[in-house]
């Protein structure tokens, strides 16, 4: 069955169709061939057939450690420089970095900023708009990192404090177009880390991503988050019930950007061991790709797969 998910053409097939090659009847019509919820017993054979068992959703998490200096030494010199440079550019632009309670007025400011950012994406999905009422119902559990130029909001990150999980979670963030090149997102996420440490939380997380970089977010987003010291883990390992198993094969780039990145389960004995082991990275491209930006923290392996052009 062929479906379109936010502009992405996809063939949904069962295990038998994936293993027999009957999915190839759809090969020229789709970018992704997917087996939804494949049983663990089929994962080895799916791998042999070119499909990659993976979590539907990944979470980005980092242990904040007891001090900023202790955390910084875990990063490369280049990554430390980029963080300091982002703060320096913010200071030179006279931007005011602060924290604010989440109010209806601030939510309106944020949604205006967020919608403009989503509108500039190839396949934008305005999740925060859809969840706006629910977020405001739980406003007391949120604390916003804000960056203002005068009174104008130019960047914000809505963080949910989850003390029962020892976690500060960045739920949604947005910056103005003019600030994206200035790496203001680094400032927002670094301030999220600081807030987690101040509140005595063990973990900072950068929310959930659909595990297919090259559709809603590009592959560079993986590199950006991992360079801040965050590790991608299966969503269900942080939040039980978050997403399911999938097995994907990339066959085209009509709606996907090139390269595409997905993170698969490691080939382990037993489903629990596979889900809890470090993830493996798989890059898909028509040509050569520099792998260095994608050697993210916590990945067990990284493999480049060449996708032949369609004839």
C-alpha atoms as a PDB file:
ATOM      1  CA  UNK A   1       0.000   0.000   0.000  1.00  0.00           C
ATOM      2  CA  UNK A   2       1.329   3.428  -0.953  1.00  0.00           C
ATOM      3  CA  UNK A   3       0.740   6.317   1.453  1.00  0.00           C
ATOM      4  CA  UNK A   4       1.949   9.891   1.743  1.00  0.00           C
ATOM      5  CA  UNK A   5       3.125  11.061   5.140  1.00  0.00           C
ATOM      6  CA  UNK A   6       3.668  14.830   5.241  1.00  0.00           C
ATOM      7  CA  UNK A   7       4.667  14.790   1.575  1.00  0.00           C
ATOM      8  CA  UNK A   8       6.792  11.644   1.826  1.00  0.00           C
ATOM      9  CA  UNK A   9       5.756   8.819  -0.569  1.00  0.00           C
ATOM     10  CA  UNK A  10       6.056   5.502   1.219  1.00  0.00           C
ATOM     11  CA  UNK A  11       5.179   1.857   0.528  1.00  0.00           C
ATOM     12  CA  UNK A  12       3.903  -0.036   3.570  1.00  0.00           C
ATOM     13  CA  UNK A  13       4.595  -3.752   3.154  1.00  0.00           C
ATOM     14  CA  UNK A  14       4.502  -6.799   5.376  1.00  0.00           C
ATOM     15  CA  UNK A  15       7.459  -8.992   6.276  1.00  0.00           C
ATOM     16  CA  UNK A  16       6.784 -11.515   3.508  1.00  0.00           C
ATOM     17  CA  UNK A  17       6.617  -8.775   0.853  1.00  0.00           C
ATOM     18  CA  UNK A  18       9.842  -7.249   2.143  1.00  0.00           C
ATOM     19  CA  UNK A  19      11.721 -10.558   2.139  1.00  0.00           C
ATOM     20  CA  UNK A  20      10.389 -11.782  -1.209  1.00  0.00           C
ATOM     21  CA  UNK A  21      11.171  -8.552  -3.046  1.00  0.00           C
ATOM     22  CA  UNK A  22       7.532  -7.964  -4.014  1.00  0.00           C
ATOM     23  CA  UNK A  23       7.976  -4.431  -2.698  1.00  0.00           C
ATOM     24  CA  UNK A  24       9.911  -3.634  -5.891  1.00  0.00           C
ATOM     25  CA  UNK A  25       6.672  -3.127  -7.783  1.00  0.00           C
ATOM     26  CA  UNK A  26       6.474   0.207  -5.913  1.00  0.00           C
ATOM     27  CA  UNK A  27      10.175   1.091  -6.096  1.00  0.00           C
ATOM     28  CA  UNK A  28       9.804   3.890  -8.667  1.00  0.00           C
ATOM     29  CA  UNK A  29       6.833   5.489  -6.884  1.00  0.00           C
ATOM     30  CA  UNK A  30       8.199   5.927  -3.369  1.00  0.00           C
ATOM     31  CA  UNK A  31      11.218   7.074  -1.357  1.00  0.00           C
ATOM     32  CA  UNK A  32      10.782   4.681   1.568  1.00  0.00           C
ATOM     33  CA  UNK A  33       9.677   1.064   1.815  1.00  0.00           C
ATOM     34  CA  UNK A  34       8.572   0.333   5.395  1.00  0.00           C
ATOM     35  CA  UNK A  35       7.569  -2.675   7.460  1.00  0.00           C
ATOM     36  CA  UNK A  36       5.588  -1.426  10.453  1.00  0.00           C
ATOM     37  CA  UNK A  37       5.951  -3.332  13.740  1.00  0.00           C
ATOM     38  CA  UNK A  38       8.036  -6.241  12.417  1.00  0.00           C
ATOM     39  CA  UNK A  39       8.431  -9.020  15.016  1.00  0.00           C
ATOM     40  CA  UNK A  40      11.906  -9.338  16.482  1.00  0.00           C
ATOM     41  CA  UNK A  41      12.298 -12.827  14.979  1.00  0.00           C
ATOM     42  CA  UNK A  42      12.189 -11.253  11.496  1.00  0.00           C
ATOM     43  CA  UNK A  43      14.825  -8.568  12.143  1.00  0.00           C
ATOM     44  CA  UNK A  44      17.880 -10.612  11.035  1.00  0.00           C
ATOM     45  CA  UNK A  45      16.238 -11.591   7.731  1.00  0.00           C
ATOM     46  CA  UNK A  46      15.037  -8.037   7.155  1.00  0.00           C
ATOM     47  CA  UNK A  47      18.603  -6.783   7.605  1.00  0.00           C
ATOM     48  CA  UNK A  48      19.814  -9.300   5.035  1.00  0.00           C
ATOM     49  CA  UNK A  49      17.146  -7.989   2.632  1.00  0.00           C
ATOM     50  CA  UNK A  50      18.356  -4.391   3.035  1.00  0.00           C
ATOM     51  CA  UNK A  51      15.818  -3.214   5.623  1.00  0.00           C
ATOM     52  CA  UNK A  52      16.926  -1.599   8.884  1.00  0.00           C
ATOM     53  CA  UNK A  53      14.949  -2.341  12.071  1.00  0.00           C
ATOM     54  CA  UNK A  54      14.746   0.903  14.020  1.00  0.00           C
ATOM     55  CA  UNK A  55      12.826   2.827  16.650  1.00  0.00           C
ATOM     56  CA  UNK A  56      10.137   5.051  15.178  1.00  0.00           C
ATOM     57  CA  UNK A  57      11.132   7.869  17.531  1.00  0.00           C
ATOM     58  CA  UNK A  58      14.433   8.793  19.136  1.00  0.00           C
ATOM     59  CA  UNK A  59      15.102  10.971  22.167  1.00  0.00           C
ATOM     60  CA  UNK A  60      18.163  13.159  22.621  1.00  0.00           C
ATOM     61  CA  UNK A  61      19.491  13.055  26.154  1.00  0.00           C
ATOM     62  CA  UNK A  62      22.575  14.134  28.072  1.00  0.00           C
ATOM     63  CA  UNK A  63      23.596  13.746  31.695  1.00  0.00           C
ATOM     64  CA  UNK A  64      24.205  17.316  32.852  1.00  0.00           C
ATOM     65  CA  UNK A  65      26.967  16.391  35.349  1.00  0.00           C
ATOM     66  CA  UNK A  66      27.760  18.363  38.454  1.00  0.00           C
ATOM     67  CA  UNK A  67      29.213  21.446  36.765  1.00  0.00           C
ATOM     68  CA  UNK A  68      29.450  23.161  33.407  1.00  0.00           C
ATOM     69  CA  UNK A  69      33.220  22.716  33.314  1.00  0.00           C
ATOM     70  CA  UNK A  70      32.885  18.977  33.931  1.00  0.00           C
ATOM     71  CA  UNK A  71      30.467  18.743  31.027  1.00  0.00           C
ATOM     72  CA  UNK A  72      32.519  20.914  28.683  1.00  0.00           C
ATOM     73  CA  UNK A  73      35.589  18.692  28.937  1.00  0.00           C
ATOM     74  CA  UNK A  74      33.561  15.878  27.353  1.00  0.00           C
ATOM     75  CA  UNK A  75      33.216  17.959  24.166  1.00  0.00           C
ATOM     76  CA  UNK A  76      35.810  18.566  21.475  1.00  0.00           C
ATOM     77  CA  UNK A  77      37.731  21.827  21.380  1.00  0.00           C
ATOM     78  CA  UNK A  78      35.816  22.868  18.239  1.00  0.00           C
ATOM     79  CA  UNK A  79      32.466  22.219  19.903  1.00  0.00           C
ATOM     80  CA  UNK A  80      33.460  24.212  22.994  1.00  0.00           C
ATOM     81  CA  UNK A  81      34.561  27.058  20.716  1.00  0.00           C
ATOM     82  CA  UNK A  82      31.227  27.030  18.860  1.00  0.00           C
ATOM     83  CA  UNK A  83      29.283  27.338  22.111  1.00  0.00           C
ATOM     84  CA  UNK A  84      31.384  30.263  23.314  1.00  0.00           C
ATOM     85  CA  UNK A  85      31.176  31.860  19.872  1.00  0.00           C
ATOM     86  CA  UNK A  86      27.368  31.650  19.903  1.00  0.00           C
ATOM     87  CA  UNK A  87      27.263  33.486  23.247  1.00  0.00           C
ATOM     88  CA  UNK A  88      29.763  36.069  22.007  1.00  0.00           C
ATOM     89  CA  UNK A  89      27.644  36.824  18.927  1.00  0.00           C
ATOM     90  CA  UNK A  90      24.554  37.152  21.106  1.00  0.00           C
ATOM     91  CA  UNK A  91      26.366  39.626  23.362  1.00  0.00           C
ATOM     92  CA  UNK A  92      27.650  41.640  20.404  1.00  0.00           C
ATOM     93  CA  UNK A  93      24.075  41.913  19.135  1.00  0.00           C
ATOM     94  CA  UNK A  94      22.895  43.121  22.585  1.00  0.00           C
ATOM     95  CA  UNK A  95      20.532  40.182  22.924  1.00  0.00           C
ATOM     96  CA  UNK A  96      19.032  39.540  26.348  1.00  0.00           C
ATOM     97  CA  UNK A  97      19.026  35.884  27.424  1.00  0.00           C
ATOM     98  CA  UNK A  98      16.673  34.986  30.250  1.00  0.00           C
ATOM     99  CA  UNK A  99      14.059  32.635  31.648  1.00  0.00           C
ATOM    100  CA  UNK A 100      10.355  33.383  31.853  1.00  0.00           C
ATOM    101  CA  UNK A 101       7.251  31.579  33.107  1.00  0.00           C
ATOM    102  CA  UNK A 102       5.051  30.271  30.319  1.00  0.00           C
ATOM    103  CA  UNK A 103       2.053  32.590  30.026  1.00  0.00           C
ATOM    104  CA  UNK A 104      -0.620  32.931  27.361  1.00  0.00           C
ATOM    105  CA  UNK A 105       1.068  36.106  26.138  1.00  0.00           C
ATOM    106  CA  UNK A 106       4.468  34.437  25.837  1.00  0.00           C
ATOM    107  CA  UNK A 107       2.873  31.450  24.110  1.00  0.00           C
ATOM    108  CA  UNK A 108       1.373  33.774  21.499  1.00  0.00           C
ATOM    109  CA  UNK A 109       4.784  35.343  20.891  1.00  0.00           C
ATOM    110  CA  UNK A 110       6.381  31.937  20.612  1.00  0.00           C
ATOM    111  CA  UNK A 111       3.757  30.528  18.228  1.00  0.00           C
ATOM    112  CA  UNK A 112       4.211  33.498  15.898  1.00  0.00           C
ATOM    113  CA  UNK A 113       7.966  32.843  15.819  1.00  0.00           C
ATOM    114  CA  UNK A 114       7.469  29.090  15.518  1.00  0.00           C
ATOM    115  CA  UNK A 115       5.003  29.304  12.628  1.00  0.00           C
ATOM    116  CA  UNK A 116       7.394  31.473  10.629  1.00  0.00           C
ATOM    117  CA  UNK A 117      10.155  28.915  11.173  1.00  0.00           C
ATOM    118  CA  UNK A 118       7.896  26.011  10.162  1.00  0.00           C
ATOM    119  CA  UNK A 119       6.758  27.873   7.053  1.00  0.00           C
ATOM    120  CA  UNK A 120      10.348  27.970   5.837  1.00  0.00           C
ATOM    121  CA  UNK A 121      10.722  24.187   6.003  1.00  0.00           C
ATOM    122  CA  UNK A 122      10.201  21.866   3.074  1.00  0.00           C
ATOM    123  CA  UNK A 123       7.941  19.547   5.073  1.00  0.00           C
ATOM    124  CA  UNK A 124       7.071  21.573   8.159  1.00  0.00           C
ATOM    125  CA  UNK A 125       4.870  19.983  10.825  1.00  0.00           C
ATOM    126  CA  UNK A 126       3.488  22.547  13.342  1.00  0.00           C
ATOM    127  CA  UNK A 127       3.282  20.208  16.320  1.00  0.00           C
ATOM    128  CA  UNK A 128       3.456  23.016  18.893  1.00  0.00           C
ATOM    129  CA  UNK A 129       0.443  24.700  17.300  1.00  0.00           C
ATOM    130  CA  UNK A 130      -1.538  21.470  17.505  1.00  0.00           C
ATOM    131  CA  UNK A 131      -0.544  20.978  21.148  1.00  0.00           C
ATOM    132  CA  UNK A 132      -0.855  24.616  22.190  1.00  0.00           C
ATOM    133  CA  UNK A 133      -3.911  24.145  24.427  1.00  0.00           C
ATOM    134  CA  UNK A 134      -2.426  21.119  26.171  1.00  0.00           C
ATOM    135  CA  UNK A 135       0.854  22.946  26.778  1.00  0.00           C
ATOM    136  CA  UNK A 136      -0.937  25.900  28.346  1.00  0.00           C
ATOM    137  CA  UNK A 137      -2.976  23.543  30.548  1.00  0.00           C
ATOM    138  CA  UNK A 138       0.356  22.404  32.017  1.00  0.00           C
ATOM    139  CA  UNK A 139       2.036  25.821  31.933  1.00  0.00           C
ATOM    140  CA  UNK A 140       3.113  25.564  35.577  1.00  0.00           C
ATOM    141  CA  UNK A 141       5.463  22.710  34.660  1.00  0.00           C
ATOM    142  CA  UNK A 142       7.133  24.764  31.915  1.00  0.00           C
ATOM    143  CA  UNK A 143       9.910  27.315  32.019  1.00  0.00           C
ATOM    144  CA  UNK A 144      10.886  29.159  28.866  1.00  0.00           C
ATOM    145  CA  UNK A 145      14.364  30.176  27.812  1.00  0.00           C
ATOM    146  CA  UNK A 146      13.933  33.441  25.903  1.00  0.00           C
ATOM    147  CA  UNK A 147      16.231  35.617  23.844  1.00  0.00           C
ATOM    148  CA  UNK A 148      15.058  39.147  23.124  1.00  0.00           C
ATOM    149  CA  UNK A 149      16.280  42.018  21.008  1.00  0.00           C
ATOM    150  CA  UNK A 150      14.807  44.892  22.957  1.00  0.00           C
ATOM    151  CA  UNK A 151      11.283  43.638  23.615  1.00  0.00           C
ATOM    152  CA  UNK A 152      11.086  41.505  20.466  1.00  0.00           C
ATOM    153  CA  UNK A 153      11.360  37.758  20.890  1.00  0.00           C
ATOM    154  CA  UNK A 154      14.049  36.403  18.530  1.00  0.00           C
ATOM    155  CA  UNK A 155      14.476  32.956  20.063  1.00  0.00           C
ATOM    156  CA  UNK A 156      12.791  30.749  22.632  1.00  0.00           C
ATOM    157  CA  UNK A 157      12.806  27.205  23.942  1.00  0.00           C
ATOM    158  CA  UNK A 158       9.851  25.818  25.900  1.00  0.00           C
ATOM    159  CA  UNK A 159      11.262  23.506  28.561  1.00  0.00           C
ATOM    160  CA  UNK A 160       9.168  21.125  30.613  1.00  0.00           C
ATOM    161  CA  UNK A 161      10.479  20.319  34.082  1.00  0.00           C
ATOM    162  CA  UNK A 162       9.919  16.649  34.947  1.00  0.00           C
ATOM    163  CA  UNK A 163      11.254  16.213  38.497  1.00  0.00           C
ATOM    164  CA  UNK A 164       9.816  12.697  38.863  1.00  0.00           C
ATOM    165  CA  UNK A 165      12.068  11.658  35.962  1.00  0.00           C
ATOM    166  CA  UNK A 166      14.991  13.837  36.999  1.00  0.00           C
ATOM    167  CA  UNK A 167      14.723  15.546  33.616  1.00  0.00           C
ATOM    168  CA  UNK A 168      14.462  18.957  31.983  1.00  0.00           C
ATOM    169  CA  UNK A 169      13.016  18.477  28.496  1.00  0.00           C
ATOM    170  CA  UNK A 170      13.225  20.968  25.641  1.00  0.00           C
ATOM    171  CA  UNK A 171       9.829  20.473  24.034  1.00  0.00           C
ATOM    172  CA  UNK A 172       9.819  23.130  21.295  1.00  0.00           C
ATOM    173  CA  UNK A 173      12.204  25.824  20.128  1.00  0.00           C
ATOM    174  CA  UNK A 174      12.288  28.489  17.444  1.00  0.00           C
ATOM    175  CA  UNK A 175      14.524  31.350  16.350  1.00  0.00           C
ATOM    176  CA  UNK A 176      14.118  34.088  13.776  1.00  0.00           C
ATOM    177  CA  UNK A 177      15.524  33.575  10.304  1.00  0.00           C
ATOM    178  CA  UNK A 178      18.167  36.218  10.963  1.00  0.00           C
ATOM    179  CA  UNK A 179      19.422  34.365  14.044  1.00  0.00           C
ATOM    180  CA  UNK A 180      19.738  30.850  12.591  1.00  0.00           C
ATOM    181  CA  UNK A 181      23.164  31.499  11.106  1.00  0.00           C
ATOM    182  CA  UNK A 182      24.282  32.851  14.463  1.00  0.00           C
ATOM    183  CA  UNK A 183      23.719  29.487  16.134  1.00  0.00           C
ATOM    184  CA  UNK A 184      21.266  30.952  18.600  1.00  0.00           C
ATOM    185  CA  UNK A 185      19.849  27.445  19.008  1.00  0.00           C
ATOM    186  CA  UNK A 186      23.137  26.525  20.718  1.00  0.00           C
ATOM    187  CA  UNK A 187      22.450  29.208  23.300  1.00  0.00           C
ATOM    188  CA  UNK A 188      18.888  27.985  23.863  1.00  0.00           C
ATOM    189  CA  UNK A 189      19.942  24.365  24.370  1.00  0.00           C
ATOM    190  CA  UNK A 190      22.922  25.289  26.531  1.00  0.00           C
ATOM    191  CA  UNK A 191      20.634  27.372  28.753  1.00  0.00           C
ATOM    192  CA  UNK A 192      18.299  24.363  28.964  1.00  0.00           C
ATOM    193  CA  UNK A 193      21.254  22.357  30.254  1.00  0.00           C
ATOM    194  CA  UNK A 194      21.990  25.067  32.828  1.00  0.00           C
ATOM    195  CA  UNK A 195      18.388  25.087  34.020  1.00  0.00           C
ATOM    196  CA  UNK A 196      18.463  21.316  34.451  1.00  0.00           C
ATOM    197  CA  UNK A 197      21.617  21.615  36.569  1.00  0.00           C
ATOM    198  CA  UNK A 198      20.240  24.496  38.670  1.00  0.00           C
ATOM    199  CA  UNK A 199      17.081  22.527  39.411  1.00  0.00           C
ATOM    200  CA  UNK A 200      19.025  19.425  40.359  1.00  0.00           C
ATOM    201  CA  UNK A 201      17.886  17.329  37.418  1.00  0.00           C
ATOM    202  CA  UNK A 202      20.135  14.543  36.204  1.00  0.00           C
ATOM    203  CA  UNK A 203      19.115  14.695  32.555  1.00  0.00           C
ATOM    204  CA  UNK A 204      18.541  17.283  29.874  1.00  0.00           C
ATOM    205  CA  UNK A 205      16.722  16.099  26.757  1.00  0.00           C
ATOM    206  CA  UNK A 206      16.119  17.809  23.437  1.00  0.00           C
ATOM    207  CA  UNK A 207      12.738  16.214  22.911  1.00  0.00           C
ATOM    208  CA  UNK A 208      11.749  13.631  20.337  1.00  0.00           C
ATOM    209  CA  UNK A 209      12.627  13.328  16.658  1.00  0.00           C
ATOM    210  CA  UNK A 210      11.091  11.160  13.990  1.00  0.00           C
ATOM    211  CA  UNK A 211      13.878   8.699  13.192  1.00  0.00           C
ATOM    212  CA  UNK A 212      14.390   9.673   9.557  1.00  0.00           C
ATOM    213  CA  UNK A 213      16.668  12.681   9.060  1.00  0.00           C
ATOM    214  CA  UNK A 214      16.122  14.017   5.573  1.00  0.00           C
ATOM    215  CA  UNK A 215      12.370  14.510   5.809  1.00  0.00           C
ATOM    216  CA  UNK A 216      11.054  16.740   8.622  1.00  0.00           C
ATOM    217  CA  UNK A 217      14.592  17.605   9.677  1.00  0.00           C
ATOM    218  CA  UNK A 218      17.749  17.253   7.639  1.00  0.00           C
ATOM    219  CA  UNK A 219      20.701  15.031   8.450  1.00  0.00           C
ATOM    220  CA  UNK A 220      22.651  18.024   9.749  1.00  0.00           C
ATOM    221  CA  UNK A 221      20.287  18.212  12.730  1.00  0.00           C
ATOM    222  CA  UNK A 222      21.781  14.959  14.001  1.00  0.00           C
ATOM    223  CA  UNK A 223      25.268  16.413  13.788  1.00  0.00           C
ATOM    224  CA  UNK A 224      24.195  19.624  15.535  1.00  0.00           C
ATOM    225  CA  UNK A 225      22.608  17.867  18.513  1.00  0.00           C
ATOM    226  CA  UNK A 226      25.348  15.290  18.932  1.00  0.00           C
ATOM    227  CA  UNK A 227      28.019  18.016  18.909  1.00  0.00           C
ATOM    228  CA  UNK A 228      26.351  19.499  21.989  1.00  0.00           C
ATOM    229  CA  UNK A 229      27.036  16.203  23.754  1.00  0.00           C
ATOM    230  CA  UNK A 230      23.557  14.710  23.437  1.00  0.00           C
ATOM    231  CA  UNK A 231      23.084  11.034  22.598  1.00  0.00           C
ATOM    232  CA  UNK A 232      20.234   9.617  20.513  1.00  0.00           C
ATOM    233  CA  UNK A 233      18.417   6.731  22.200  1.00  0.00           C
ATOM    234  CA  UNK A 234      15.181   4.855  21.364  1.00  0.00           C
ATOM    235  CA  UNK A 235      12.208   6.887  22.508  1.00  0.00           C
ATOM    236  CA  UNK A 236      10.718   4.015  24.493  1.00  0.00           C
ATOM    237  CA  UNK A 237      13.855   3.736  26.624  1.00  0.00           C
ATOM    238  CA  UNK A 238      13.119   7.207  28.026  1.00  0.00           C
ATOM    239  CA  UNK A 239       9.353   7.303  27.683  1.00  0.00           C
ATOM    240  CA  UNK A 240       7.630   3.894  27.553  1.00  0.00           C
ATOM    241  CA  UNK A 241       5.069   3.717  24.759  1.00  0.00           C
ATOM    242  CA  UNK A 242       6.836   6.405  22.744  1.00  0.00           C
ATOM    243  CA  UNK A 243       6.794   5.096  19.191  1.00  0.00           C
ATOM    244  CA  UNK A 244       7.079   1.571  17.845  1.00  0.00           C
ATOM    245  CA  UNK A 245       9.421  -0.632  15.792  1.00  0.00           C
ATOM    246  CA  UNK A 246       9.846  -0.097  12.060  1.00  0.00           C
ATOM    247  CA  UNK A 247      12.106  -1.503   9.363  1.00  0.00           C
ATOM    248  CA  UNK A 248      12.944   0.947   6.576  1.00  0.00           C
ATOM    249  CA  UNK A 249      14.647   0.782   3.210  1.00  0.00           C
ATOM    250  CA  UNK A 250      15.511   4.047   1.404  1.00  0.00           C
ATOM    251  CA  UNK A 251      14.998   3.815  -2.368  1.00  0.00           C
ATOM    252  CA  UNK A 252      14.649   7.402  -3.622  1.00  0.00           C
ATOM    253  CA  UNK A 253      14.965  11.129  -3.038  1.00  0.00           C
ATOM    254  CA  UNK A 254      11.899  12.739  -4.584  1.00  0.00           C
ATOM    255  CA  UNK A 255      10.781  14.160  -1.230  1.00  0.00           C
ATOM    256  CA  UNK A 256      13.819  13.299   0.875  1.00  0.00           C
ATOM    257  CA  UNK A 257      16.953  15.399   1.008  1.00  0.00           C
ATOM    258  CA  UNK A 258      20.299  13.818   0.181  1.00  0.00           C
ATOM    259  CA  UNK A 259      21.792  12.429   2.395  1.00  0.00           C
ATOM    260  CA  UNK A 260      19.234  10.636   4.559  1.00  0.00           C
ATOM    261  CA  UNK A 261      20.153   9.352   8.007  1.00  0.00           C
ATOM    262  CA  UNK A 262      18.360   6.792  10.150  1.00  0.00           C
ATOM    263  CA  UNK A 263      19.430   5.082  13.358  1.00  0.00           C
ATOM    264  CA  UNK A 264      18.861   1.338  13.609  1.00  0.00           C
ATOM    265  CA  UNK A 265      18.902  -1.171  16.408  1.00  0.00           C
ATOM    266  CA  UNK A 266      22.141  -3.066  16.832  1.00  0.00           C
ATOM    267  CA  UNK A 267      22.189  -6.746  15.840  1.00  0.00           C
ATOM    268  CA  UNK A 268      21.961  -8.290  19.310  1.00  0.00           C
ATOM    269  CA  UNK A 269      20.673 -11.555  20.723  1.00  0.00           C
ATOM    270  CA  UNK A 270      17.238 -10.758  22.138  1.00  0.00           C
ATOM    271  CA  UNK A 271      14.893  -7.817  21.613  1.00  0.00           C
ATOM    272  CA  UNK A 272      15.587  -6.182  24.978  1.00  0.00           C
ATOM    273  CA  UNK A 273      19.343  -6.263  24.359  1.00  0.00           C
ATOM    274  CA  UNK A 274      18.860  -4.784  20.875  1.00  0.00           C
ATOM    275  CA  UNK A 275      16.647  -1.945  22.131  1.00  0.00           C
ATOM    276  CA  UNK A 276      18.987  -1.008  24.997  1.00  0.00           C
ATOM    277  CA  UNK A 277      22.258  -1.233  23.028  1.00  0.00           C
ATOM    278  CA  UNK A 278      23.776   1.839  21.323  1.00  0.00           C
ATOM    279  CA  UNK A 279      22.159   2.629  17.974  1.00  0.00           C
ATOM    280  CA  UNK A 280      23.869   2.258  14.600  1.00  0.00           C
ATOM    281  CA  UNK A 281      23.842   5.049  12.002  1.00  0.00           C
ATOM    282  CA  UNK A 282      22.936   4.491   8.349  1.00  0.00           C
ATOM    283  CA  UNK A 283      23.471   7.202   5.746  1.00  0.00           C
ATOM    284  CA  UNK A 284      21.865   6.946   2.300  1.00  0.00           C
ATOM    285  CA  UNK A 285      23.031   8.997  -0.659  1.00  0.00           C
ATOM    286  CA  UNK A 286      23.369   9.011  -4.414  1.00  0.00           C
ATOM    287  CA  UNK A 287      27.045   9.942  -4.072  1.00  0.00           C
ATOM    288  CA  UNK A 288      29.930  10.196  -1.662  1.00  0.00           C
ATOM    289  CA  UNK A 289      29.346  11.728   1.781  1.00  0.00           C
ATOM    290  CA  UNK A 290      31.820  12.967   4.368  1.00  0.00           C
ATOM    291  CA  UNK A 291      31.011  10.719   7.323  1.00  0.00           C
ATOM    292  CA  UNK A 292      32.842  12.782   9.938  1.00  0.00           C
ATOM    293  CA  UNK A 293      29.930  15.100  10.886  1.00  0.00           C
ATOM    294  CA  UNK A 294      27.700  12.087  11.540  1.00  0.00           C
ATOM    295  CA  UNK A 295      29.921  10.148  13.901  1.00  0.00           C
ATOM    296  CA  UNK A 296      27.682  11.154  16.753  1.00  0.00           C
ATOM    297  CA  UNK A 297      28.111  10.488  20.431  1.00  0.00           C
ATOM    298  CA  UNK A 298      26.981   7.027  21.393  1.00  0.00           C
ATOM    299  CA  UNK A 299      26.669   5.458  17.940  1.00  0.00           C
ATOM    300  CA  UNK A 300      28.022   1.921  17.718  1.00  0.00           C
ATOM    301  CA  UNK A 301      28.688   2.137  13.965  1.00  0.00           C
ATOM    302  CA  UNK A 302      28.095   4.299  10.890  1.00  0.00           C
ATOM    303  CA  UNK A 303      27.547   2.910   7.389  1.00  0.00           C
ATOM    304  CA  UNK A 304      27.120   4.683   4.051  1.00  0.00           C
ATOM    305  CA  UNK A 305      24.688   3.095   1.577  1.00  0.00           C
ATOM    306  CA  UNK A 306      24.718   4.222  -2.045  1.00  0.00           C
ATOM    307  CA  UNK A 307      21.237   4.509  -3.571  1.00  0.00           C
ATOM    308  CA  UNK A 308      21.476   4.005  -7.330  1.00  0.00           C
ATOM    309  CA  UNK A 309      19.756   6.525  -9.619  1.00  0.00           C
ATOM    310  CA  UNK A 310      16.413   5.528 -11.050  1.00  0.00           C
ATOM    311  CA  UNK A 311      16.350   4.500 -14.688  1.00  0.00           C
END
